């Protein structure tokens, strides 16, 4: 059997396994984290130095009996003003397993219409990470959408497609404290 067929079979099996997943609602609550649920999405706020709070909306998708993380997807305000419009910008970030194939990057597709992609920035022991600016068009698509598909490649597994329900994303983003400029 060719390598391509083998990877296609593994990808198909993984997709079938993932398609029945519902993201966990942050069952691992840390002492200093405040977590609120909004449908499939949640918000997480933690105290940082100086008594300030750092918050983001998220979904945490895990698989198998051991609840191994396959994707952590978050949305929050960045520390910088990329658009130079006087306000901090909204970013989406993703954390995937360490076996992620980095050159392929990661792709997002909302309701099989709106698609965008990004290269990975770095890998740490918790996984490989990237972030992308959420401009007005992407924000509208997220809020109006029903499901987002996140696509990346895993070493020896091939392409992984993770479906993420968007119910609650609008409320979770609205619940994030607005950053002070």
Protein backbone atom coordinates (compact mmCIF):
# COMPACT_ATOMS: atom_id res chain seq x y z
CA UNK A 1 0.00 0.00 0.00
CA UNK A 2 1.34 3.43 -0.85
CA UNK A 3 2.17 6.02 1.80
CA UNK A 4 -0.46 8.35 0.36
CA UNK A 5 -3.23 5.74 0.70
CA UNK A 6 -2.07 4.92 4.21
CA UNK A 7 -2.19 8.58 5.25
CA UNK A 8 -5.59 9.02 3.62
CA UNK A 9 -6.97 6.05 5.56
CA UNK A 10 -5.58 7.32 8.85
CA UNK A 11 -6.91 10.81 8.13
CA UNK A 12 -10.36 9.43 7.34
CA UNK A 13 -10.38 7.36 10.53
CA UNK A 14 -9.27 10.32 12.60
CA UNK A 15 -11.88 12.56 10.99
CA UNK A 16 -14.64 10.05 11.77
CA UNK A 17 -13.41 9.81 15.34
CA UNK A 18 -13.22 13.61 15.71
CA UNK A 19 -16.55 14.37 14.08
CA UNK A 20 -18.45 13.07 17.09
CA UNK A 21 -16.50 15.19 19.54
CA UNK A 22 -17.91 17.93 21.66
CA UNK A 23 -15.32 20.26 23.15
CA UNK A 24 -14.78 19.87 26.86
CA UNK A 25 -16.05 22.71 28.95
CA UNK A 26 -12.82 23.32 30.85
CA UNK A 27 -13.06 20.51 33.34
CA UNK A 28 -9.58 21.27 34.61
CA UNK A 29 -10.33 24.47 36.46
CA UNK A 30 -7.28 26.00 38.06
CA UNK A 31 -7.59 27.77 41.42
CA UNK A 32 -6.95 31.25 40.04
CA UNK A 33 -8.93 30.87 36.78
CA UNK A 34 -12.52 32.02 36.41
CA UNK A 35 -14.34 30.06 33.73
CA UNK A 36 -17.79 30.84 32.30
CA UNK A 37 -19.59 28.72 29.69
CA UNK A 38 -21.51 30.05 26.69
CA UNK A 39 -22.74 27.08 24.65
CA UNK A 40 -19.76 25.29 23.12
CA UNK A 41 -17.46 28.20 23.96
CA UNK A 42 -16.21 29.37 27.36
CA UNK A 43 -14.23 32.29 28.73
CA UNK A 44 -11.20 31.98 30.97
CA UNK A 45 -9.88 34.85 33.10
CA UNK A 46 -6.75 34.71 35.21
CA UNK A 47 -5.08 37.24 37.43
CA UNK A 48 -1.72 38.47 36.11
CA UNK A 49 0.99 40.64 37.63
CA UNK A 50 -0.22 43.95 38.99
CA UNK A 51 -3.69 42.61 39.81
CA UNK A 52 -4.98 42.88 36.24
CA UNK A 53 -7.03 40.16 34.58
CA UNK A 54 -6.17 38.43 31.32
CA UNK A 55 -9.12 36.77 29.55
CA UNK A 56 -9.89 34.84 26.38
CA UNK A 57 -12.76 32.84 24.87
CA UNK A 58 -11.91 29.20 24.08
CA UNK A 59 -12.81 25.66 23.15
CA UNK A 60 -10.69 22.71 24.28
CA UNK A 61 -11.09 19.66 22.04
CA UNK A 62 -9.83 16.35 23.42
CA UNK A 63 -10.01 12.77 22.16
CA UNK A 64 -9.91 9.24 23.54
CA UNK A 65 -10.36 7.83 27.00
CA UNK A 66 -7.27 9.69 28.20
CA UNK A 67 -8.77 12.99 26.95
CA UNK A 68 -5.66 13.91 24.97
CA UNK A 69 -5.83 17.46 23.65
CA UNK A 70 -6.06 17.67 19.86
CA UNK A 71 -6.86 21.40 19.67
CA UNK A 72 -7.11 24.39 21.98
CA UNK A 73 -8.63 27.34 20.16
CA UNK A 74 -8.85 30.76 21.80
CA UNK A 75 -9.89 34.30 20.98
CA UNK A 76 -8.70 37.31 22.95
CA UNK A 77 -7.37 40.83 22.82
CA UNK A 78 -3.70 41.12 22.00
CA UNK A 79 -1.21 43.33 23.77
CA UNK A 80 -0.63 45.49 20.72
CA UNK A 81 -2.51 47.71 18.28
CA UNK A 82 -1.72 46.19 14.89
CA UNK A 83 -4.10 48.48 12.99
CA UNK A 84 -2.83 51.65 14.68
CA UNK A 85 -6.42 52.69 15.37
CA UNK A 86 -5.92 53.35 19.08
CA UNK A 87 -7.39 50.08 20.37
CA UNK A 88 -6.01 46.62 21.10
CA UNK A 89 -6.83 44.05 18.43
CA UNK A 90 -8.70 40.76 18.66
CA UNK A 91 -6.69 37.62 17.82
CA UNK A 92 -7.50 33.94 17.44
CA UNK A 93 -4.84 31.49 18.58
CA UNK A 94 -4.53 27.74 18.21
CA UNK A 95 -2.50 25.12 20.06
CA UNK A 96 -2.08 21.72 18.37
CA UNK A 97 -0.11 18.60 19.43
CA UNK A 98 3.69 18.52 19.21
CA UNK A 99 3.48 16.10 16.27
CA UNK A 100 2.07 18.89 14.06
CA UNK A 101 3.77 19.29 10.68
CA UNK A 102 4.80 22.96 10.81
CA UNK A 103 5.39 23.91 7.14
CA UNK A 104 1.76 23.13 6.24
CA UNK A 105 0.39 25.68 8.70
CA UNK A 106 -3.18 25.65 9.93
CA UNK A 107 -6.41 26.51 8.16
CA UNK A 108 -9.82 27.63 9.32
CA UNK A 109 -13.03 27.41 7.31
CA UNK A 110 -16.35 28.78 8.56
CA UNK A 111 -19.49 27.05 7.24
CA UNK A 112 -17.52 25.85 4.18
CA UNK A 113 -17.35 29.47 2.96
CA UNK A 114 -14.94 31.78 4.75
CA UNK A 115 -11.45 30.31 4.69
CA UNK A 116 -8.17 31.62 6.04
CA UNK A 117 -4.83 30.15 7.05
CA UNK A 118 -1.70 30.91 9.02
CA UNK A 119 1.79 29.47 9.55
CA UNK A 120 2.72 28.12 12.97
CA UNK A 121 4.83 30.48 15.08
CA UNK A 122 6.55 28.12 17.50
CA UNK A 123 6.28 24.92 19.55
CA UNK A 124 6.51 24.61 23.32
CA UNK A 125 6.03 21.53 25.54
CA UNK A 126 2.25 22.21 25.55
CA UNK A 127 2.05 22.10 21.73
CA UNK A 128 2.56 24.06 18.53
CA UNK A 129 1.05 27.53 18.45
CA UNK A 130 -0.03 30.22 16.06
CA UNK A 131 -2.21 33.32 16.11
CA UNK A 132 -4.09 35.33 13.52
CA UNK A 133 -5.65 38.78 13.60
CA UNK A 134 -9.44 38.73 13.69
CA UNK A 135 -10.43 41.55 11.36
CA UNK A 136 -14.03 42.78 10.97
CA UNK A 137 -14.84 40.31 8.17
CA UNK A 138 -13.55 37.32 10.13
CA UNK A 139 -15.36 38.48 13.27
CA UNK A 140 -18.66 38.80 11.37
CA UNK A 141 -18.15 35.34 9.83
CA UNK A 142 -17.41 33.80 13.27
CA UNK A 143 -20.46 35.40 14.87
CA UNK A 144 -22.81 34.46 12.02
CA UNK A 145 -21.40 30.96 11.49
CA UNK A 146 -22.62 27.64 12.76
CA UNK A 147 -19.42 25.55 12.52
CA UNK A 148 -15.75 26.11 11.89
CA UNK A 149 -13.43 23.45 10.56
CA UNK A 150 -9.81 23.64 11.73
CA UNK A 151 -7.34 21.78 9.51
CA UNK A 152 -3.70 20.88 10.17
CA UNK A 153 -1.36 17.93 9.57
CA UNK A 154 0.06 15.54 12.13
CA UNK A 155 3.25 13.56 11.59
CA UNK A 156 2.41 9.95 10.62
CA UNK A 157 -1.32 10.77 10.81
CA UNK A 158 -1.87 13.06 7.85
CA UNK A 159 -4.49 15.77 7.58
CA UNK A 160 -6.67 16.35 10.63
CA UNK A 161 -9.98 18.19 10.35
CA UNK A 162 -11.45 19.28 13.67
CA UNK A 163 -15.05 20.55 13.62
CA UNK A 164 -15.75 23.32 16.14
CA UNK A 165 -19.33 24.44 16.82
CA UNK A 166 -19.70 28.22 16.94
CA UNK A 167 -22.74 28.36 19.23
CA UNK A 168 -21.87 30.72 22.07
CA UNK A 169 -18.85 32.34 20.38
CA UNK A 170 -20.61 35.73 20.09
CA UNK A 171 -21.58 35.74 23.78
CA UNK A 172 -18.11 34.55 24.85
CA UNK A 173 -16.38 37.31 22.86
CA UNK A 174 -18.84 39.92 24.18
CA UNK A 175 -18.07 38.77 27.74
CA UNK A 176 -14.35 39.52 27.35
CA UNK A 177 -13.35 42.69 29.19
CA UNK A 178 -12.43 45.46 26.76
CA UNK A 179 -8.73 46.27 27.04
CA UNK A 180 -7.63 49.66 28.24
CA UNK A 181 -5.63 51.48 25.60
